[in-house]
Amino acid sequence: MENYRIYFDEAERSDVLRILRKYNDVLIDNIDDHSVGITIERDDSGLFYRGLMDEIDREVYSLRSDSGI
């Protein structure tokens, strides 16, 4: 069991939470406007976390606009 914090833009909050809520092994500990604290209740929590972040990257972060650059 390990704890992690995932950061996001305010507009991405609902999409990140939607993904996290799909998994029974992910407990949402606390949420604010720009991050969520989670606990992963698995023996392979590090590997699971990397896969989870890959999914969030594909479905949420990759859609960020690069305005201002």
PDB file of N, CA and C in Angstrom:
ATOM      1  N   MET A   1       0.851  -1.167   0.000  1.00  0.00           N
ATOM      2  CA  MET A   1       0.000   0.000   0.000  1.00  0.00           C
ATOM      3  C   MET A   1       0.898   1.232   0.000  1.00  0.00           C
ATOM      4  N   GLU A   2       0.675   2.111  -0.967  1.00  0.00           N
ATOM      5  CA  GLU A   2       1.488   3.327  -1.104  1.00  0.00           C
ATOM      6  C   GLU A   2       0.582   4.529  -1.349  1.00  0.00           C
ATOM      7  N   ASN A   3       1.071   5.693  -0.944  1.00  0.00           N
ATOM      8  CA  ASN A   3       0.352   6.955  -1.152  1.00  0.00           C
ATOM      9  C   ASN A   3       1.009   7.749  -2.270  1.00  0.00           C
ATOM     10  N   TYR A   4       0.177   8.423  -3.059  1.00  0.00           N
ATOM     11  CA  TYR A   4       0.649   9.232  -4.179  1.00  0.00           C
ATOM     12  C   TYR A   4      -0.192  10.493  -4.266  1.00  0.00           C
ATOM     13  N   ARG A   5       0.344  11.498  -4.954  1.00  0.00           N
ATOM     14  CA  ARG A   5      -0.407  12.720  -5.249  1.00  0.00           C
ATOM     15  C   ARG A   5      -0.337  12.937  -6.748  1.00  0.00           C
ATOM     16  N   ILE A   6      -1.487  13.214  -7.341  1.00  0.00           N
ATOM     17  CA  ILE A   6      -1.593  13.452  -8.776  1.00  0.00           C
ATOM     18  C   ILE A   6      -2.027  14.899  -8.974  1.00  0.00           C
ATOM     19  N   TYR A   7      -1.292  15.630  -9.793  1.00  0.00           N
ATOM     20  CA  TYR A   7      -1.566  17.050 -10.044  1.00  0.00           C
ATOM     21  C   TYR A   7      -2.244  17.217 -11.395  1.00  0.00           C
ATOM     22  N   PHE A   8      -3.091  18.235 -11.491  1.00  0.00           N
ATOM     23  CA  PHE A   8      -3.832  18.490 -12.721  1.00  0.00           C
ATOM     24  C   PHE A   8      -4.280  19.936 -12.755  1.00  0.00           C
ATOM     25  N   ASP A   9      -4.670  20.400 -13.954  1.00  0.00           N
ATOM     26  CA  ASP A   9      -5.282  21.716 -14.093  1.00  0.00           C
ATOM     27  C   ASP A   9      -6.722  21.618 -13.596  1.00  0.00           C
ATOM     28  N   GLU A  10      -7.274  22.735 -13.168  1.00  0.00           N
ATOM     29  CA  GLU A  10      -8.641  22.747 -12.631  1.00  0.00           C
ATOM     30  C   GLU A  10      -9.652  22.131 -13.602  1.00  0.00           C
ATOM     31  N   ALA A  11      -9.494  22.405 -14.882  1.00  0.00           N
ATOM     32  CA  ALA A  11     -10.424  21.890 -15.888  1.00  0.00           C
ATOM     33  C   ALA A  11     -10.293  20.375 -16.078  1.00  0.00           C
ATOM     34  N   GLU A  12      -9.183  19.789 -15.661  1.00  0.00           N
ATOM     35  CA  GLU A  12      -8.942  18.354 -15.827  1.00  0.00           C
ATOM     36  C   GLU A  12      -9.422  17.532 -14.638  1.00  0.00           C
ATOM     37  N   ARG A  13      -9.823  18.201 -13.590  1.00  0.00           N
ATOM     38  CA  ARG A  13     -10.161  17.541 -12.320  1.00  0.00           C
ATOM     39  C   ARG A  13     -11.172  16.412 -12.496  1.00  0.00           C
ATOM     40  N   SER A  14     -12.282  16.671 -13.144  1.00  0.00           N
ATOM     41  CA  SER A  14     -13.332  15.651 -13.266  1.00  0.00           C
ATOM     42  C   SER A  14     -12.875  14.456 -14.094  1.00  0.00           C
ATOM     43  N   ASP A  15     -12.072  14.685 -15.130  1.00  0.00           N
ATOM     44  CA  ASP A  15     -11.573  13.576 -15.952  1.00  0.00           C
ATOM     45  C   ASP A  15     -10.604  12.695 -15.167  1.00  0.00           C
ATOM     46  N   VAL A  16      -9.726  13.311 -14.392  1.00  0.00           N
ATOM     47  CA  VAL A  16      -8.782  12.535 -13.577  1.00  0.00           C
ATOM     48  C   VAL A  16      -9.549  11.725 -12.530  1.00  0.00           C
ATOM     49  N   LEU A  17     -10.501  12.341 -11.869  1.00  0.00           N
ATOM     50  CA  LEU A  17     -11.283  11.634 -10.852  1.00  0.00           C
ATOM     51  C   LEU A  17     -12.098  10.495 -11.456  1.00  0.00           C
ATOM     52  N   ARG A  18     -12.621  10.709 -12.655  1.00  0.00           N
ATOM     53  CA  ARG A  18     -13.371   9.647 -13.343  1.00  0.00           C
ATOM     54  C   ARG A  18     -12.493   8.416 -13.548  1.00  0.00           C
ATOM     55  N   ILE A  19     -11.266   8.628 -13.974  1.00  0.00           N
ATOM     56  CA  ILE A  19     -10.339   7.510 -14.189  1.00  0.00           C
ATOM     57  C   ILE A  19     -10.016   6.829 -12.867  1.00  0.00           C
ATOM     58  N   LEU A  20      -9.712   7.593 -11.844  1.00  0.00           N
ATOM     59  CA  LEU A  20      -9.354   7.013 -10.549  1.00  0.00           C
ATOM     60  C   LEU A  20     -10.491   6.194  -9.956  1.00  0.00           C
ATOM     61  N   ARG A  21     -11.707   6.639 -10.148  1.00  0.00           N
ATOM     62  CA  ARG A  21     -12.866   5.953  -9.555  1.00  0.00           C
ATOM     63  C   ARG A  21     -13.189   4.634 -10.241  1.00  0.00           C
ATOM     64  N   LYS A  22     -12.557   4.342 -11.368  1.00  0.00           N
ATOM     65  CA  LYS A  22     -12.776   3.069 -12.058  1.00  0.00           C
ATOM     66  C   LYS A  22     -12.133   1.900 -11.323  1.00  0.00           C
ATOM     67  N   TYR A  23     -11.172   2.177 -10.454  1.00  0.00           N
ATOM     68  CA  TYR A  23     -10.360   1.129  -9.864  1.00  0.00           C
ATOM     69  C   TYR A  23     -10.673   0.928  -8.381  1.00  0.00           C
ATOM     70  N   ASN A  24     -11.003  -0.308  -8.012  1.00  0.00           N
ATOM     71  CA  ASN A  24     -11.305  -0.639  -6.621  1.00  0.00           C
ATOM     72  C   ASN A  24     -10.086  -0.539  -5.721  1.00  0.00           C
ATOM     73  N   ASP A  25      -8.893  -0.678  -6.273  1.00  0.00           N
ATOM     74  CA  ASP A  25      -7.664  -0.656  -5.486  1.00  0.00           C
ATOM     75  C   ASP A  25      -7.143   0.757  -5.234  1.00  0.00           C
ATOM     76  N   VAL A  26      -7.842   1.766  -5.742  1.00  0.00           N
ATOM     77  CA  VAL A  26      -7.431   3.159  -5.569  1.00  0.00           C
ATOM     78  C   VAL A  26      -8.401   3.842  -4.606  1.00  0.00           C
ATOM     79  N   LEU A  27      -7.870   4.309  -3.484  1.00  0.00           N
ATOM     80  CA  LEU A  27      -8.663   5.066  -2.525  1.00  0.00           C
ATOM     81  C   LEU A  27      -8.315   6.543  -2.671  1.00  0.00           C
ATOM     82  N   ILE A  28      -9.320   7.377  -2.814  1.00  0.00           N
ATOM     83  CA  ILE A  28      -9.109   8.820  -2.902  1.00  0.00           C
ATOM     84  C   ILE A  28      -9.099   9.362  -1.480  1.00  0.00           C
ATOM     85  N   ASP A  29      -7.940   9.886  -1.065  1.00  0.00           N
ATOM     86  CA  ASP A  29      -7.764  10.361   0.306  1.00  0.00           C
ATOM     87  C   ASP A  29      -8.200  11.807   0.475  1.00  0.00           C
ATOM     88  N   ASN A  30      -7.806  12.659  -0.452  1.00  0.00           N
ATOM     89  CA  ASN A  30      -8.187  14.071  -0.387  1.00  0.00           C
ATOM     90  C   ASN A  30      -8.081  14.691  -1.773  1.00  0.00           C
ATOM     91  N   ILE A  31      -8.890  15.721  -1.965  1.00  0.00           N
ATOM     92  CA  ILE A  31      -8.966  16.396  -3.267  1.00  0.00           C
ATOM     93  C   ILE A  31      -8.935  17.899  -3.028  1.00  0.00           C
ATOM     94  N   ASP A  32      -8.165  18.613  -3.861  1.00  0.00           N
ATOM     95  CA  ASP A  32      -8.272  20.068  -3.884  1.00  0.00           C
ATOM     96  C   ASP A  32      -8.396  20.505  -5.343  1.00  0.00           C
ATOM     97  N   ASP A  33      -8.294  21.788  -5.606  1.00  0.00           N
ATOM     98  CA  ASP A  33      -8.513  22.284  -6.966  1.00  0.00           C
ATOM     99  C   ASP A  33      -7.475  21.801  -7.977  1.00  0.00           C
ATOM    100  N   HIS A  34      -6.276  21.465  -7.510  1.00  0.00           N
ATOM    101  CA  HIS A  34      -5.187  21.142  -8.441  1.00  0.00           C
ATOM    102  C   HIS A  34      -4.494  19.811  -8.185  1.00  0.00           C
ATOM    103  N   SER A  35      -4.994  19.018  -7.232  1.00  0.00           N
ATOM    104  CA  SER A  35      -4.373  17.723  -6.989  1.00  0.00           C
ATOM    105  C   SER A  35      -5.312  16.805  -6.225  1.00  0.00           C
ATOM    106  N   VAL A  36      -4.958  15.536  -6.245  1.00  0.00           N
ATOM    107  CA  VAL A  36      -5.700  14.524  -5.493  1.00  0.00           C
ATOM    108  C   VAL A  36      -4.673  13.605  -4.830  1.00  0.00           C
ATOM    109  N   GLY A  37      -4.906  13.289  -3.578  1.00  0.00           N
ATOM    110  CA  GLY A  37      -4.077  12.319  -2.872  1.00  0.00           C
ATOM    111  C   GLY A  37      -4.763  10.970  -2.927  1.00  0.00           C
ATOM    112  N   ILE A  38      -4.004   9.937  -3.281  1.00  0.00           N
ATOM    113  CA  ILE A  38      -4.583   8.604  -3.385  1.00  0.00           C
ATOM    114  C   ILE A  38      -3.732   7.593  -2.628  1.00  0.00           C
ATOM    115  N   THR A  39      -4.351   6.484  -2.281  1.00  0.00           N
ATOM    116  CA  THR A  39      -3.659   5.325  -1.750  1.00  0.00           C
ATOM    117  C   THR A  39      -3.957   4.168  -2.687  1.00  0.00           C
ATOM    118  N   ILE A  40      -2.908   3.476  -3.112  1.00  0.00           N
ATOM    119  CA  ILE A  40      -3.080   2.293  -3.954  1.00  0.00           C
ATOM    120  C   ILE A  40      -2.863   1.078  -3.059  1.00  0.00           C
ATOM    121  N   GLU A  41      -3.891   0.263  -2.931  1.00  0.00           N
ATOM    122  CA  GLU A  41      -3.858  -0.898  -2.055  1.00  0.00           C
ATOM    123  C   GLU A  41      -3.538  -2.159  -2.850  1.00  0.00           C
ATOM    124  N   ARG A  42      -2.334  -2.231  -3.332  1.00  0.00           N
ATOM    125  CA  ARG A  42      -1.860  -3.398  -4.088  1.00  0.00           C
ATOM    126  C   ARG A  42      -0.414  -3.651  -3.726  1.00  0.00           C
ATOM    127  N   ASP A  43       0.016  -4.894  -3.860  1.00  0.00           N
ATOM    128  CA  ASP A  43       1.416  -5.218  -3.619  1.00  0.00           C
ATOM    129  C   ASP A  43       2.315  -4.597  -4.681  1.00  0.00           C
ATOM    130  N   ASP A  44       1.808  -4.477  -5.900  1.00  0.00           N
ATOM    131  CA  ASP A  44       2.576  -3.903  -7.009  1.00  0.00           C
ATOM    132  C   ASP A  44       2.165  -2.456  -7.253  1.00  0.00           C
ATOM    133  N   SER A  45       2.026  -1.679  -6.180  1.00  0.00           N
ATOM    134  CA  SER A  45       1.478  -0.326  -6.292  1.00  0.00           C
ATOM    135  C   SER A  45       2.294   0.579  -7.211  1.00  0.00           C
ATOM    136  N   GLY A  46       3.613   0.448  -7.223  1.00  0.00           N
ATOM    137  CA  GLY A  46       4.449   1.279  -8.090  1.00  0.00           C
ATOM    138  C   GLY A  46       4.176   1.013  -9.559  1.00  0.00           C
ATOM    139  N   LEU A  47       4.105  -0.240  -9.914  1.00  0.00           N
ATOM    140  CA  LEU A  47       3.814  -0.622 -11.297  1.00  0.00           C
ATOM    141  C   LEU A  47       2.395  -0.194 -11.683  1.00  0.00           C
ATOM    142  N   PHE A  48       1.447  -0.406 -10.785  1.00  0.00           N
ATOM    143  CA  PHE A  48       0.067   0.002 -11.039  1.00  0.00           C
ATOM    144  C   PHE A  48      -0.023   1.516 -11.214  1.00  0.00           C
ATOM    145  N   TYR A  49       0.691   2.278 -10.373  1.00  0.00           N
ATOM    146  CA  TYR A  49       0.695   3.736 -10.454  1.00  0.00           C
ATOM    147  C   TYR A  49       1.223   4.208 -11.811  1.00  0.00           C
ATOM    148  N   ARG A  50       2.298   3.596 -12.288  1.00  0.00           N
ATOM    149  CA  ARG A  50       2.838   3.980 -13.596  1.00  0.00           C
ATOM    150  C   ARG A  50       1.813   3.726 -14.706  1.00  0.00           C
ATOM    151  N   GLY A  51       1.116   2.609 -14.644  1.00  0.00           N
ATOM    152  CA  GLY A  51       0.075   2.330 -15.628  1.00  0.00           C
ATOM    153  C   GLY A  51      -1.085   3.305 -15.529  1.00  0.00           C
ATOM    154  N   LEU A  52      -1.441   3.649 -14.298  1.00  0.00           N
ATOM    155  CA  LEU A  52      -2.508   4.620 -14.062  1.00  0.00           C
ATOM    156  C   LEU A  52      -2.125   5.983 -14.632  1.00  0.00           C
ATOM    157  N   MET A  53      -0.887   6.404 -14.400  1.00  0.00           N
ATOM    158  CA  MET A  53      -0.427   7.684 -14.926  1.00  0.00           C
ATOM    159  C   MET A  53      -0.334   7.667 -16.449  1.00  0.00           C
ATOM    160  N   ASP A  54       0.011   6.526 -17.032  1.00  0.00           N
ATOM    161  CA  ASP A  54       0.002   6.404 -18.495  1.00  0.00           C
ATOM    162  C   ASP A  54      -1.414   6.619 -19.030  1.00  0.00           C
ATOM    163  N   GLU A  55      -2.403   6.024 -18.352  1.00  0.00           N
ATOM    164  CA  GLU A  55      -3.789   6.192 -18.770  1.00  0.00           C
ATOM    165  C   GLU A  55      -4.233   7.648 -18.638  1.00  0.00           C
ATOM    166  N   ILE A  56      -3.898   8.293 -17.524  1.00  0.00           N
ATOM    167  CA  ILE A  56      -4.251   9.699 -17.320  1.00  0.00           C
ATOM    168  C   ILE A  56      -3.548  10.568 -18.358  1.00  0.00           C
ATOM    169  N   ASP A  57      -2.306  10.254 -18.663  1.00  0.00           N
ATOM    170  CA  ASP A  57      -1.568  11.018 -19.678  1.00  0.00           C
ATOM    171  C   ASP A  57      -2.251  10.909 -21.041  1.00  0.00           C
ATOM    172  N   ARG A  58      -2.624   9.700 -21.428  1.00  0.00           N
ATOM    173  CA  ARG A  58      -3.280   9.482 -22.726  1.00  0.00           C
ATOM    174  C   ARG A  58      -4.640  10.168 -22.805  1.00  0.00           C
ATOM    175  N   GLU A  59      -5.446  10.033 -21.745  1.00  0.00           N
ATOM    176  CA  GLU A  59      -6.831  10.484 -21.799  1.00  0.00           C
ATOM    177  C   GLU A  59      -7.043  11.928 -21.337  1.00  0.00           C
ATOM    178  N   VAL A  60      -6.077  12.497 -20.608  1.00  0.00           N
ATOM    179  CA  VAL A  60      -6.284  13.835 -20.043  1.00  0.00           C
ATOM    180  C   VAL A  60      -5.151  14.782 -20.419  1.00  0.00           C
ATOM    181  N   TYR A  61      -3.942  14.494 -19.970  1.00  0.00           N
ATOM    182  CA  TYR A  61      -2.825  15.427 -20.149  1.00  0.00           C
ATOM    183  C   TYR A  61      -2.483  15.659 -21.612  1.00  0.00           C
ATOM    184  N   SER A  62      -2.627  14.645 -22.452  1.00  0.00           N
ATOM    185  CA  SER A  62      -2.281  14.790 -23.866  1.00  0.00           C
ATOM    186  C   SER A  62      -3.227  15.752 -24.581  1.00  0.00           C
ATOM    187  N   LEU A  63      -4.370  16.061 -23.988  1.00  0.00           N
ATOM    188  CA  LEU A  63      -5.336  16.961 -24.602  1.00  0.00           C
ATOM    189  C   LEU A  63      -5.135  18.419 -24.201  1.00  0.00           C
ATOM    190  N   ARG A  64      -4.136  18.674 -23.379  1.00  0.00           N
ATOM    191  CA  ARG A  64      -3.864  20.056 -22.941  1.00  0.00           C
ATOM    192  C   ARG A  64      -3.523  20.918 -24.150  1.00  0.00           C
ATOM    193  N   SER A  65      -4.040  22.136 -24.119  1.00  0.00           N
ATOM    194  CA  SER A  65      -3.672  23.066 -25.192  1.00  0.00           C
ATOM    195  C   SER A  65      -2.364  23.737 -24.812  1.00  0.00           C
ATOM    196  N   ASP A  66      -1.587  24.077 -25.792  1.00  0.00           N
ATOM    197  CA  ASP A  66      -0.295  24.735 -25.568  1.00  0.00           C
ATOM    198  C   ASP A  66      -0.399  26.222 -25.867  1.00  0.00           C
ATOM    199  N   SER A  67      -1.538  26.815 -25.565  1.00  0.00           N
ATOM    200  CA  SER A  67      -1.695  28.236 -25.832  1.00  0.00           C
ATOM    201  C   SER A  67      -0.709  29.041 -24.994  1.00  0.00           C
ATOM    202  N   GLY A  68      -0.211  30.051 -25.548  1.00  0.00           N
ATOM    203  CA  GLY A  68       0.771  30.886 -24.863  1.00  0.00           C
ATOM    204  C   GLY A  68       2.199  30.516 -25.172  1.00  0.00           C
ATOM    205  N   ILE A  69       2.389  29.476 -25.967  1.00  0.00           N
ATOM    206  CA  ILE A  69       3.766  29.088 -26.332  1.00  0.00           C
ATOM    207  C   ILE A  69       4.035  29.496 -27.755  1.00  0.00           C
TER     208      ILE A  69
END
